[in-house]
Amino acid sequence: GRINRAIFGTGNMNSIPTHILEEATKRGSWVHESIEHIINNEDYIDNWEWEGYIEAFNNFNKEYQPEYLVSEVPIVDDNNLAKGIVDAFCYIDNELHIIDFKTSASTISHSWKMQLMIYKWICDNNEIGYSPTKLKVIKLGKDGTFKVLYYDYSEQDTKAAIDIYQYMLKEGVIKGK
C-alpha cells in the first residue's frame, strides 16, 4: 500500500508494458474474488486460463486445513496512520493467521513482509476484532503449486516504517491520499 510504495518504491514497474500490468491486475482481481467466493462457500466464475491459481489455493487448503473466519477485510488504524485489506484471517493449528494471497511471478519478500507487519500492527493497536500471531503469504502458481512464506513480526520495524512514512508526508516528499 501507501507505506510500502513510499519506502520501497515501485521497483521496475515503469519498465513493464502497460498491457502486461493490466493483465496481471485482472488476474489478481479474479483470483482474489474467486477465493473470497470459495471461502464463503459460494460459486465463482470459471476461467480456464487462470484456474491453476484456484487449484493452488485448493492444494494449500488440503495441506494446511485452514479454518477461515473472514476474507477481504478492510482494516484502518484509528489515527489513519495505516490501512489495508486483509485477504483472510484463519486458524491453522489453533493459531490465528493473517493470510495474503499472491499471484505475481516475482517474490518481493521485504515489501510483502512489511505489508503483513503493518496489518498486524493495525490489529494490535485498534479494535479490529482479531489478534493474529502468525503472518503468511501464500504464493499461488498458475501450475497449481503454492509456496508458503512465513514472516516474523517486529513491532519496532513496523513502527519505524510508519514513522518514516509520516515524516515523508510532513516534509512534502510524498503526497497522502
N, C-alpha and C. Protein backbone atom coordinates (compact mmCIF):
# COMPACT_ATOMS: atom_id res chain seq x y z
N GLY A 1 0.80 -1.18 0.00
CA GLY A 1 0.00 0.00 0.00
C GLY A 1 0.86 1.26 0.00
N ARG A 2 0.28 2.30 0.54
CA ARG A 2 0.91 3.62 0.54
C ARG A 2 2.28 3.61 1.22
N ILE A 3 2.36 2.98 2.37
CA ILE A 3 3.62 2.99 3.13
C ILE A 3 4.70 2.23 2.38
N ASN A 4 4.38 1.05 1.88
CA ASN A 4 5.36 0.26 1.12
C ASN A 4 5.86 1.02 -0.10
N ARG A 5 4.96 1.64 -0.86
CA ARG A 5 5.38 2.39 -2.05
C ARG A 5 6.28 3.56 -1.68
N ALA A 6 5.96 4.25 -0.57
CA ALA A 6 6.77 5.39 -0.15
C ALA A 6 8.18 4.95 0.24
N ILE A 7 8.28 3.82 0.93
CA ILE A 7 9.58 3.37 1.43
C ILE A 7 10.36 2.57 0.39
N PHE A 8 9.70 1.63 -0.27
CA PHE A 8 10.39 0.72 -1.17
C PHE A 8 10.29 1.13 -2.64
N GLY A 9 9.42 2.09 -2.96
CA GLY A 9 9.23 2.46 -4.35
C GLY A 9 8.40 1.42 -5.08
N THR A 10 8.41 1.50 -6.39
CA THR A 10 7.63 0.55 -7.20
C THR A 10 8.53 -0.38 -8.00
N GLY A 11 9.81 -0.41 -7.66
CA GLY A 11 10.72 -1.31 -8.37
C GLY A 11 10.83 -0.93 -9.82
N ASN A 12 10.80 -1.93 -10.69
CA ASN A 12 10.94 -1.68 -12.13
C ASN A 12 9.59 -1.69 -12.84
N MET A 13 8.54 -1.33 -12.13
CA MET A 13 7.19 -1.36 -12.70
C MET A 13 7.07 -0.48 -13.95
N ASN A 14 7.82 0.62 -13.99
CA ASN A 14 7.73 1.52 -15.14
C ASN A 14 8.27 0.89 -16.42
N SER A 15 9.10 -0.14 -16.27
CA SER A 15 9.67 -0.79 -17.46
C SER A 15 8.79 -1.92 -17.99
N ILE A 16 7.73 -2.25 -17.26
CA ILE A 16 6.82 -3.32 -17.68
C ILE A 16 5.73 -2.72 -18.57
N PRO A 17 5.52 -3.29 -19.75
CA PRO A 17 4.48 -2.76 -20.65
C PRO A 17 3.11 -2.70 -19.96
N THR A 18 2.36 -1.67 -20.28
CA THR A 18 1.06 -1.43 -19.66
C THR A 18 0.12 -2.62 -19.80
N HIS A 19 0.09 -3.25 -20.99
CA HIS A 19 -0.85 -4.36 -21.21
C HIS A 19 -0.52 -5.54 -20.29
N ILE A 20 0.73 -5.74 -19.96
CA ILE A 20 1.11 -6.83 -19.05
C ILE A 20 0.66 -6.50 -17.64
N LEU A 21 0.86 -5.26 -17.20
CA LEU A 21 0.40 -4.85 -15.87
C LEU A 21 -1.12 -4.94 -15.75
N GLU A 22 -1.82 -4.54 -16.81
CA GLU A 22 -3.28 -4.61 -16.80
C GLU A 22 -3.76 -6.05 -16.70
N GLU A 23 -3.10 -6.95 -17.43
CA GLU A 23 -3.46 -8.37 -17.39
C GLU A 23 -3.19 -8.95 -16.00
N ALA A 24 -2.06 -8.57 -15.39
CA ALA A 24 -1.73 -9.05 -14.05
C ALA A 24 -2.75 -8.55 -13.03
N THR A 25 -3.19 -7.31 -13.20
CA THR A 25 -4.21 -6.76 -12.30
C THR A 25 -5.53 -7.51 -12.45
N LYS A 26 -5.93 -7.79 -13.68
CA LYS A 26 -7.17 -8.56 -13.91
C LYS A 26 -7.07 -9.95 -13.31
N ARG A 27 -5.92 -10.60 -13.53
CA ARG A 27 -5.70 -11.95 -12.98
C ARG A 27 -5.79 -11.92 -11.46
N GLY A 28 -5.06 -11.00 -10.84
CA GLY A 28 -5.06 -10.91 -9.38
C GLY A 28 -6.44 -10.64 -8.81
N SER A 29 -7.19 -9.76 -9.47
CA SER A 29 -8.56 -9.46 -9.02
C SER A 29 -9.45 -10.69 -9.13
N TRP A 30 -9.35 -11.39 -10.28
CA TRP A 30 -10.18 -12.59 -10.46
C TRP A 30 -9.84 -13.64 -9.41
N VAL A 31 -8.55 -13.86 -9.18
CA VAL A 31 -8.14 -14.88 -8.19
C VAL A 31 -8.66 -14.50 -6.81
N HIS A 32 -8.48 -13.25 -6.40
CA HIS A 32 -8.93 -12.83 -5.07
C HIS A 32 -10.46 -12.93 -4.94
N GLU A 33 -11.18 -12.49 -5.95
CA GLU A 33 -12.64 -12.60 -5.91
C GLU A 33 -13.08 -14.06 -5.85
N SER A 34 -12.43 -14.91 -6.62
CA SER A 34 -12.78 -16.33 -6.63
C SER A 34 -12.49 -16.97 -5.28
N ILE A 35 -11.35 -16.65 -4.69
CA ILE A 35 -11.00 -17.18 -3.37
C ILE A 35 -12.02 -16.72 -2.33
N GLU A 36 -12.41 -15.46 -2.40
CA GLU A 36 -13.41 -14.96 -1.45
C GLU A 36 -14.72 -15.75 -1.59
N HIS A 37 -15.13 -16.01 -2.82
CA HIS A 37 -16.35 -16.81 -3.04
C HIS A 37 -16.19 -18.21 -2.47
N ILE A 38 -15.05 -18.83 -2.69
CA ILE A 38 -14.82 -20.19 -2.20
C ILE A 38 -14.84 -20.20 -0.67
N ILE A 39 -14.15 -19.25 -0.04
CA ILE A 39 -14.13 -19.17 1.43
C ILE A 39 -15.55 -19.01 1.97
N ASN A 40 -16.39 -18.25 1.25
CA ASN A 40 -17.77 -18.02 1.69
C ASN A 40 -18.74 -19.09 1.18
N ASN A 41 -18.19 -20.19 0.67
CA ASN A 41 -19.00 -21.30 0.15
C ASN A 41 -19.96 -20.86 -0.95
N GLU A 42 -19.47 -20.00 -1.82
CA GLU A 42 -20.26 -19.52 -2.95
C GLU A 42 -19.61 -19.98 -4.25
N ASP A 43 -20.39 -19.99 -5.31
CA ASP A 43 -19.85 -20.33 -6.63
C ASP A 43 -19.02 -19.16 -7.14
N TYR A 44 -18.06 -19.47 -7.97
CA TYR A 44 -17.27 -18.43 -8.63
C TYR A 44 -17.30 -18.69 -10.13
N ILE A 45 -16.96 -17.67 -10.89
CA ILE A 45 -16.97 -17.77 -12.35
C ILE A 45 -15.68 -18.43 -12.82
N ASP A 46 -15.81 -19.57 -13.50
CA ASP A 46 -14.63 -20.28 -14.00
C ASP A 46 -13.87 -19.44 -15.02
N ASN A 47 -12.56 -19.67 -15.03
CA ASN A 47 -11.70 -19.03 -16.02
C ASN A 47 -10.59 -20.03 -16.32
N TRP A 48 -10.71 -20.74 -17.42
CA TRP A 48 -9.79 -21.84 -17.73
C TRP A 48 -8.33 -21.37 -17.74
N GLU A 49 -8.09 -20.13 -18.14
CA GLU A 49 -6.73 -19.64 -18.25
C GLU A 49 -6.05 -19.47 -16.89
N TRP A 50 -6.85 -19.14 -15.87
CA TRP A 50 -6.29 -18.86 -14.54
C TRP A 50 -6.70 -19.89 -13.49
N GLU A 51 -7.35 -20.94 -13.91
CA GLU A 51 -7.87 -21.95 -12.97
C GLU A 51 -6.76 -22.59 -12.13
N GLY A 52 -5.54 -22.62 -12.64
CA GLY A 52 -4.42 -23.20 -11.90
C GLY A 52 -4.19 -22.51 -10.56
N TYR A 53 -4.47 -21.21 -10.49
CA TYR A 53 -4.31 -20.49 -9.22
C TYR A 53 -5.32 -20.98 -8.19
N ILE A 54 -6.52 -21.31 -8.64
CA ILE A 54 -7.53 -21.85 -7.73
C ILE A 54 -7.15 -23.26 -7.32
N GLU A 55 -6.59 -24.03 -8.24
CA GLU A 55 -6.08 -25.35 -7.89
C GLU A 55 -4.99 -25.22 -6.81
N ALA A 56 -4.12 -24.23 -6.94
CA ALA A 56 -3.07 -23.99 -5.94
C ALA A 56 -3.69 -23.64 -4.59
N PHE A 57 -4.71 -22.78 -4.61
CA PHE A 57 -5.43 -22.41 -3.39
C PHE A 57 -6.04 -23.66 -2.74
N ASN A 58 -6.69 -24.49 -3.55
CA ASN A 58 -7.30 -25.72 -3.03
C ASN A 58 -6.24 -26.67 -2.47
N ASN A 59 -5.09 -26.74 -3.14
CA ASN A 59 -4.00 -27.59 -2.64
C ASN A 59 -3.47 -27.07 -1.30
N PHE A 60 -3.34 -25.76 -1.17
CA PHE A 60 -2.96 -25.17 0.12
C PHE A 60 -3.96 -25.57 1.20
N ASN A 61 -5.26 -25.45 0.88
CA ASN A 61 -6.29 -25.78 1.86
C ASN A 61 -6.22 -27.24 2.28
N LYS A 62 -5.99 -28.14 1.32
CA LYS A 62 -5.89 -29.57 1.64
C LYS A 62 -4.71 -29.85 2.57
N GLU A 63 -3.59 -29.22 2.30
CA GLU A 63 -2.39 -29.49 3.08
C GLU A 63 -2.42 -28.83 4.46
N TYR A 64 -2.90 -27.60 4.55
CA TYR A 64 -2.83 -26.84 5.81
C TYR A 64 -4.13 -26.82 6.61
N GLN A 65 -5.24 -27.18 6.00
CA GLN A 65 -6.54 -27.23 6.67
C GLN A 65 -6.89 -25.95 7.43
N PRO A 66 -6.82 -24.79 6.78
CA PRO A 66 -7.16 -23.55 7.48
C PRO A 66 -8.65 -23.48 7.81
N GLU A 67 -8.95 -22.88 8.93
CA GLU A 67 -10.34 -22.60 9.31
C GLU A 67 -10.54 -21.10 9.10
N TYR A 68 -11.11 -20.75 7.95
CA TYR A 68 -11.27 -19.34 7.60
C TYR A 68 -12.35 -18.69 8.44
N LEU A 69 -12.05 -17.50 8.94
CA LEU A 69 -13.03 -16.73 9.71
C LEU A 69 -13.70 -15.69 8.81
N VAL A 70 -12.90 -14.92 8.09
CA VAL A 70 -13.41 -13.88 7.19
C VAL A 70 -12.39 -13.68 6.07
N SER A 71 -12.85 -13.07 4.99
CA SER A 71 -11.94 -12.75 3.89
C SER A 71 -12.22 -11.34 3.39
N GLU A 72 -11.19 -10.76 2.73
CA GLU A 72 -11.28 -9.42 2.15
C GLU A 72 -11.80 -8.41 3.19
N VAL A 73 -11.05 -8.29 4.29
CA VAL A 73 -11.45 -7.45 5.42
C VAL A 73 -10.71 -6.12 5.39
N PRO A 74 -11.43 -5.00 5.20
CA PRO A 74 -10.76 -3.69 5.28
C PRO A 74 -10.41 -3.40 6.74
N ILE A 75 -9.17 -2.97 6.98
CA ILE A 75 -8.76 -2.57 8.32
C ILE A 75 -8.12 -1.19 8.23
N VAL A 76 -8.40 -0.37 9.25
CA VAL A 76 -7.91 1.01 9.27
C VAL A 76 -7.46 1.34 10.68
N ASP A 77 -6.32 1.98 10.78
CA ASP A 77 -5.85 2.49 12.05
C ASP A 77 -6.73 3.66 12.48
N ASP A 78 -7.08 3.73 13.77
CA ASP A 78 -7.95 4.79 14.28
C ASP A 78 -7.39 6.18 14.00
N ASN A 79 -6.07 6.32 13.95
CA ASN A 79 -5.43 7.60 13.68
C ASN A 79 -5.10 7.79 12.20
N ASN A 80 -5.60 6.87 11.37
CA ASN A 80 -5.40 6.89 9.92
C ASN A 80 -3.92 6.88 9.53
N LEU A 81 -3.10 6.21 10.34
CA LEU A 81 -1.68 6.07 10.01
C LEU A 81 -1.47 4.99 8.95
N ALA A 82 -2.35 4.01 8.94
CA ALA A 82 -2.20 2.87 8.02
C ALA A 82 -3.56 2.23 7.79
N LYS A 83 -3.67 1.57 6.63
CA LYS A 83 -4.90 0.85 6.32
C LYS A 83 -4.57 -0.23 5.30
N GLY A 84 -5.49 -1.15 5.11
CA GLY A 84 -5.29 -2.20 4.13
C GLY A 84 -6.49 -3.12 4.06
N ILE A 85 -6.38 -4.12 3.21
CA ILE A 85 -7.42 -5.13 3.09
C ILE A 85 -6.75 -6.49 3.31
N VAL A 86 -7.13 -7.15 4.38
CA VAL A 86 -6.58 -8.47 4.70
C VAL A 86 -7.30 -9.50 3.84
N ASP A 87 -6.53 -10.32 3.13
CA ASP A 87 -7.14 -11.34 2.29
C ASP A 87 -7.92 -12.35 3.12
N ALA A 88 -7.35 -12.77 4.25
CA ALA A 88 -8.07 -13.73 5.10
C ALA A 88 -7.47 -13.75 6.50
N PHE A 89 -8.36 -13.94 7.46
CA PHE A 89 -7.97 -14.33 8.82
C PHE A 89 -8.40 -15.78 8.94
N CYS A 90 -7.50 -16.62 9.44
CA CYS A 90 -7.85 -18.02 9.60
C CYS A 90 -7.03 -18.65 10.72
N TYR A 91 -7.56 -19.74 11.23
CA TYR A 91 -6.82 -20.55 12.19
C TYR A 91 -6.14 -21.69 11.45
N ILE A 92 -4.87 -21.87 11.74
CA ILE A 92 -4.12 -23.04 11.30
C ILE A 92 -3.41 -23.56 12.54
N ASP A 93 -3.63 -24.81 12.87
CA ASP A 93 -3.05 -25.41 14.07
C ASP A 93 -3.34 -24.56 15.31
N ASN A 94 -4.58 -24.11 15.42
CA ASN A 94 -5.06 -23.34 16.57
C ASN A 94 -4.37 -21.99 16.77
N GLU A 95 -3.73 -21.46 15.74
CA GLU A 95 -3.12 -20.14 15.82
C GLU A 95 -3.74 -19.24 14.76
N LEU A 96 -4.05 -18.00 15.16
CA LEU A 96 -4.68 -17.08 14.24
C LEU A 96 -3.65 -16.47 13.29
N HIS A 97 -3.94 -16.59 12.00
CA HIS A 97 -3.04 -16.12 10.94
C HIS A 97 -3.67 -14.97 10.15
N ILE A 98 -2.80 -14.06 9.70
CA ILE A 98 -3.15 -13.15 8.61
C ILE A 98 -2.57 -13.81 7.36
N ILE A 99 -3.44 -14.00 6.38
CA ILE A 99 -3.02 -14.63 5.12
C ILE A 99 -3.15 -13.62 4.00
N ASP A 100 -2.12 -13.57 3.16
CA ASP A 100 -2.19 -12.74 1.95
C ASP A 100 -1.86 -13.65 0.77
N PHE A 101 -2.75 -13.68 -0.20
CA PHE A 101 -2.55 -14.50 -1.39
C PHE A 101 -1.89 -13.67 -2.48
N LYS A 102 -0.85 -14.21 -3.10
CA LYS A 102 -0.14 -13.51 -4.16
C LYS A 102 -0.13 -14.38 -5.41
N THR A 103 -0.23 -13.71 -6.58
CA THR A 103 -0.19 -14.42 -7.85
C THR A 103 0.94 -13.93 -8.74
N SER A 104 1.71 -12.96 -8.27
CA SER A 104 2.74 -12.39 -9.13
C SER A 104 3.88 -13.38 -9.34
N ALA A 105 4.59 -13.17 -10.44
CA ALA A 105 5.72 -14.04 -10.77
C ALA A 105 6.92 -13.76 -9.87
N SER A 106 7.03 -12.52 -9.40
CA SER A 106 8.17 -12.16 -8.57
C SER A 106 7.88 -12.43 -7.10
N THR A 107 8.91 -12.40 -6.31
CA THR A 107 8.77 -12.54 -4.86
C THR A 107 9.42 -11.32 -4.23
N ILE A 108 8.58 -10.34 -3.89
CA ILE A 108 9.06 -9.10 -3.31
C ILE A 108 8.94 -9.24 -1.79
N SER A 109 9.77 -10.09 -1.24
CA SER A 109 9.61 -10.53 0.14
C SER A 109 9.63 -9.40 1.15
N HIS A 110 10.55 -8.45 1.02
CA HIS A 110 10.63 -7.38 2.02
C HIS A 110 9.36 -6.53 2.03
N SER A 111 8.82 -6.27 0.88
CA SER A 111 7.60 -5.47 0.78
C SER A 111 6.40 -6.27 1.31
N TRP A 112 6.32 -7.54 0.97
CA TRP A 112 5.21 -8.37 1.45
C TRP A 112 5.27 -8.52 2.96
N LYS A 113 6.46 -8.69 3.49
CA LYS A 113 6.63 -8.81 4.95
C LYS A 113 6.13 -7.53 5.62
N MET A 114 6.55 -6.37 5.11
CA MET A 114 6.13 -5.11 5.72
C MET A 114 4.62 -4.95 5.64
N GLN A 115 4.02 -5.33 4.51
CA GLN A 115 2.57 -5.25 4.37
C GLN A 115 1.88 -6.03 5.49
N LEU A 116 2.31 -7.26 5.71
CA LEU A 116 1.68 -8.09 6.74
C LEU A 116 1.98 -7.57 8.14
N MET A 117 3.19 -7.04 8.35
CA MET A 117 3.51 -6.49 9.68
C MET A 117 2.65 -5.25 9.96
N ILE A 118 2.39 -4.44 8.95
CA ILE A 118 1.51 -3.28 9.13
C ILE A 118 0.09 -3.75 9.46
N TYR A 119 -0.39 -4.78 8.78
CA TYR A 119 -1.71 -5.32 9.10
C TYR A 119 -1.78 -5.79 10.55
N LYS A 120 -0.76 -6.50 10.99
CA LYS A 120 -0.74 -6.97 12.39
C LYS A 120 -0.70 -5.78 13.34
N TRP A 121 0.11 -4.78 13.02
CA TRP A 121 0.20 -3.58 13.87
C TRP A 121 -1.17 -2.92 14.00
N ILE A 122 -1.90 -2.82 12.87
CA ILE A 122 -3.25 -2.25 12.92
C ILE A 122 -4.13 -3.08 13.83
N CYS A 123 -4.08 -4.39 13.69
CA CYS A 123 -4.90 -5.27 14.53
C CYS A 123 -4.55 -5.12 16.01
N ASP A 124 -3.26 -5.03 16.31
CA ASP A 124 -2.81 -4.95 17.70
C ASP A 124 -3.12 -3.61 18.35
N ASN A 125 -3.22 -2.55 17.56
CA ASN A 125 -3.35 -1.20 18.12
C ASN A 125 -4.72 -0.57 17.89
N ASN A 126 -5.66 -1.35 17.40
CA ASN A 126 -7.01 -0.86 17.15
C ASN A 126 -7.99 -1.98 17.47
N GLU A 127 -9.24 -1.64 17.58
CA GLU A 127 -10.25 -2.65 17.89
C GLU A 127 -10.79 -3.26 16.61
N ILE A 128 -9.96 -4.10 15.98
CA ILE A 128 -10.32 -4.76 14.72
C ILE A 128 -11.13 -6.02 14.99
N GLY A 129 -10.87 -6.65 16.13
CA GLY A 129 -11.58 -7.87 16.48
C GLY A 129 -10.77 -9.13 16.26
N TYR A 130 -9.54 -8.98 15.79
CA TYR A 130 -8.66 -10.12 15.55
C TYR A 130 -7.27 -9.78 16.08
N SER A 131 -6.64 -10.77 16.72
CA SER A 131 -5.27 -10.60 17.23
C SER A 131 -4.39 -11.72 16.68
N PRO A 132 -3.97 -11.58 15.42
CA PRO A 132 -3.20 -12.66 14.79
C PRO A 132 -1.81 -12.80 15.40
N THR A 133 -1.33 -14.03 15.40
CA THR A 133 0.03 -14.31 15.89
C THR A 133 0.95 -14.73 14.76
N LYS A 134 0.41 -15.10 13.62
CA LYS A 134 1.21 -15.60 12.50
C LYS A 134 0.92 -14.79 11.24
N LEU A 135 1.97 -14.60 10.45
CA LEU A 135 1.87 -13.86 9.19
C LEU A 135 2.35 -14.75 8.06
N LYS A 136 1.49 -14.94 7.06
CA LYS A 136 1.86 -15.81 5.93
C LYS A 136 1.42 -15.21 4.61
N VAL A 137 2.31 -15.31 3.63
CA VAL A 137 1.95 -15.07 2.23
C VAL A 137 1.85 -16.44 1.59
N ILE A 138 0.77 -16.65 0.86
CA ILE A 138 0.60 -17.88 0.09
C ILE A 138 0.76 -17.48 -1.37
N LYS A 139 1.88 -17.88 -1.94
CA LYS A 139 2.18 -17.54 -3.34
C LYS A 139 1.60 -18.66 -4.20
N LEU A 140 0.56 -18.31 -4.95
CA LEU A 140 -0.16 -19.29 -5.77
C LEU A 140 0.44 -19.32 -7.17
N GLY A 141 0.67 -20.51 -7.67
CA GLY A 141 1.23 -20.67 -9.00
C GLY A 141 0.16 -21.03 -10.02
N LYS A 142 0.38 -20.60 -11.24
CA LYS A 142 -0.54 -20.90 -12.34
C LYS A 142 -0.62 -22.40 -12.61
N ASP A 143 0.44 -23.11 -12.20
CA ASP A 143 0.51 -24.56 -12.44
C ASP A 143 -0.11 -25.38 -11.32
N GLY A 144 -0.79 -24.72 -10.36
CA GLY A 144 -1.46 -25.44 -9.28
C GLY A 144 -0.59 -25.64 -8.05
N THR A 145 0.64 -25.17 -8.09
CA THR A 145 1.51 -25.29 -6.93
C THR A 145 1.40 -24.03 -6.07
N PHE A 146 1.87 -24.13 -4.84
CA PHE A 146 1.87 -22.98 -3.97
C PHE A 146 3.14 -23.00 -3.12
N LYS A 147 3.49 -21.84 -2.62
CA LYS A 147 4.62 -21.70 -1.72
C LYS A 147 4.16 -20.86 -0.53
N VAL A 148 4.48 -21.30 0.67
CA VAL A 148 4.12 -20.56 1.87
C VAL A 148 5.34 -19.79 2.36
N LEU A 149 5.17 -18.48 2.53
CA LEU A 149 6.24 -17.64 3.06
C LEU A 149 5.82 -17.20 4.46
N TYR A 150 6.66 -17.51 5.45
CA TYR A 150 6.40 -17.19 6.84
C TYR A 150 7.18 -15.93 7.21
N TYR A 151 6.55 -15.04 7.96
CA TYR A 151 7.24 -13.83 8.39
C TYR A 151 7.10 -13.64 9.89
N ASP A 152 8.20 -13.24 10.51
CA ASP A 152 8.18 -12.88 11.93
C ASP A 152 7.82 -11.41 12.04
N TYR A 153 7.12 -11.06 13.08
CA TYR A 153 6.67 -9.70 13.31
C TYR A 153 7.69 -8.93 14.14
N SER A 154 7.95 -7.71 13.73
CA SER A 154 8.77 -6.79 14.50
C SER A 154 7.99 -5.50 14.67
N GLU A 155 7.52 -5.25 15.89
CA GLU A 155 6.78 -4.02 16.15
C GLU A 155 7.69 -2.81 15.93
N GLN A 156 8.96 -2.94 16.31
CA GLN A 156 9.91 -1.84 16.15
C GLN A 156 10.08 -1.46 14.68
N ASP A 157 10.28 -2.46 13.81
CA ASP A 157 10.45 -2.19 12.38
C ASP A 157 9.17 -1.60 11.78
N THR A 158 8.04 -2.12 12.20
CA THR A 158 6.77 -1.65 11.67
C THR A 158 6.52 -0.20 12.05
N LYS A 159 6.72 0.11 13.31
CA LYS A 159 6.52 1.49 13.78
C LYS A 159 7.52 2.43 13.09
N ALA A 160 8.75 1.97 12.87
CA ALA A 160 9.74 2.79 12.17
C ALA A 160 9.27 3.11 10.75
N ALA A 161 8.71 2.13 10.06
CA ALA A 161 8.21 2.35 8.70
C ALA A 161 7.06 3.36 8.70
N ILE A 162 6.15 3.23 9.65
CA ILE A 162 5.03 4.17 9.74
C ILE A 162 5.55 5.56 10.06
N ASP A 163 6.53 5.66 10.96
CA ASP A 163 7.11 6.96 11.31
C ASP A 163 7.81 7.60 10.11
N ILE A 164 8.54 6.81 9.34
CA ILE A 164 9.21 7.34 8.14
C ILE A 164 8.17 7.84 7.14
N TYR A 165 7.10 7.08 6.96
CA TYR A 165 6.03 7.49 6.06
C TYR A 165 5.42 8.82 6.52
N GLN A 166 5.14 8.94 7.82
CA GLN A 166 4.57 10.17 8.36
C GLN A 166 5.53 11.35 8.17
N TYR A 167 6.81 11.11 8.35
CA TYR A 167 7.82 12.15 8.13
C TYR A 167 7.83 12.61 6.67
N MET A 168 7.79 11.64 5.76
CA MET A 168 7.81 11.97 4.33
C MET A 168 6.56 12.78 3.95
N LEU A 169 5.41 12.47 4.54
CA LEU A 169 4.20 13.25 4.30
C LEU A 169 4.38 14.67 4.81
N LYS A 170 4.86 14.78 6.04
CA LYS A 170 5.02 16.09 6.69
C LYS A 170 5.97 16.99 5.91
N GLU A 171 7.04 16.40 5.39
CA GLU A 171 8.05 17.17 4.66
C GLU A 171 7.70 17.40 3.20
N GLY A 172 6.56 16.84 2.76
CA GLY A 172 6.14 17.02 1.38
C GLY A 172 6.89 16.18 0.37
N VAL A 173 7.62 15.19 0.84
CA VAL A 173 8.35 14.29 -0.06
C VAL A 173 7.35 13.46 -0.87
N ILE A 174 6.27 13.10 -0.21
CA ILE A 174 5.19 12.34 -0.87
C ILE A 174 3.86 13.04 -0.54
N LYS A 175 2.86 12.72 -1.30
CA LYS A 175 1.54 13.26 -1.06
C LYS A 175 0.64 12.14 -0.54
N GLY A 176 -0.12 12.41 0.49
CA GLY A 176 -1.04 11.41 1.06
C GLY A 176 -2.33 11.36 0.30
N LYS A 177 -3.09 10.29 0.56
CA LYS A 177 -4.40 10.12 -0.07
C LYS A 177 -5.47 10.31 0.98
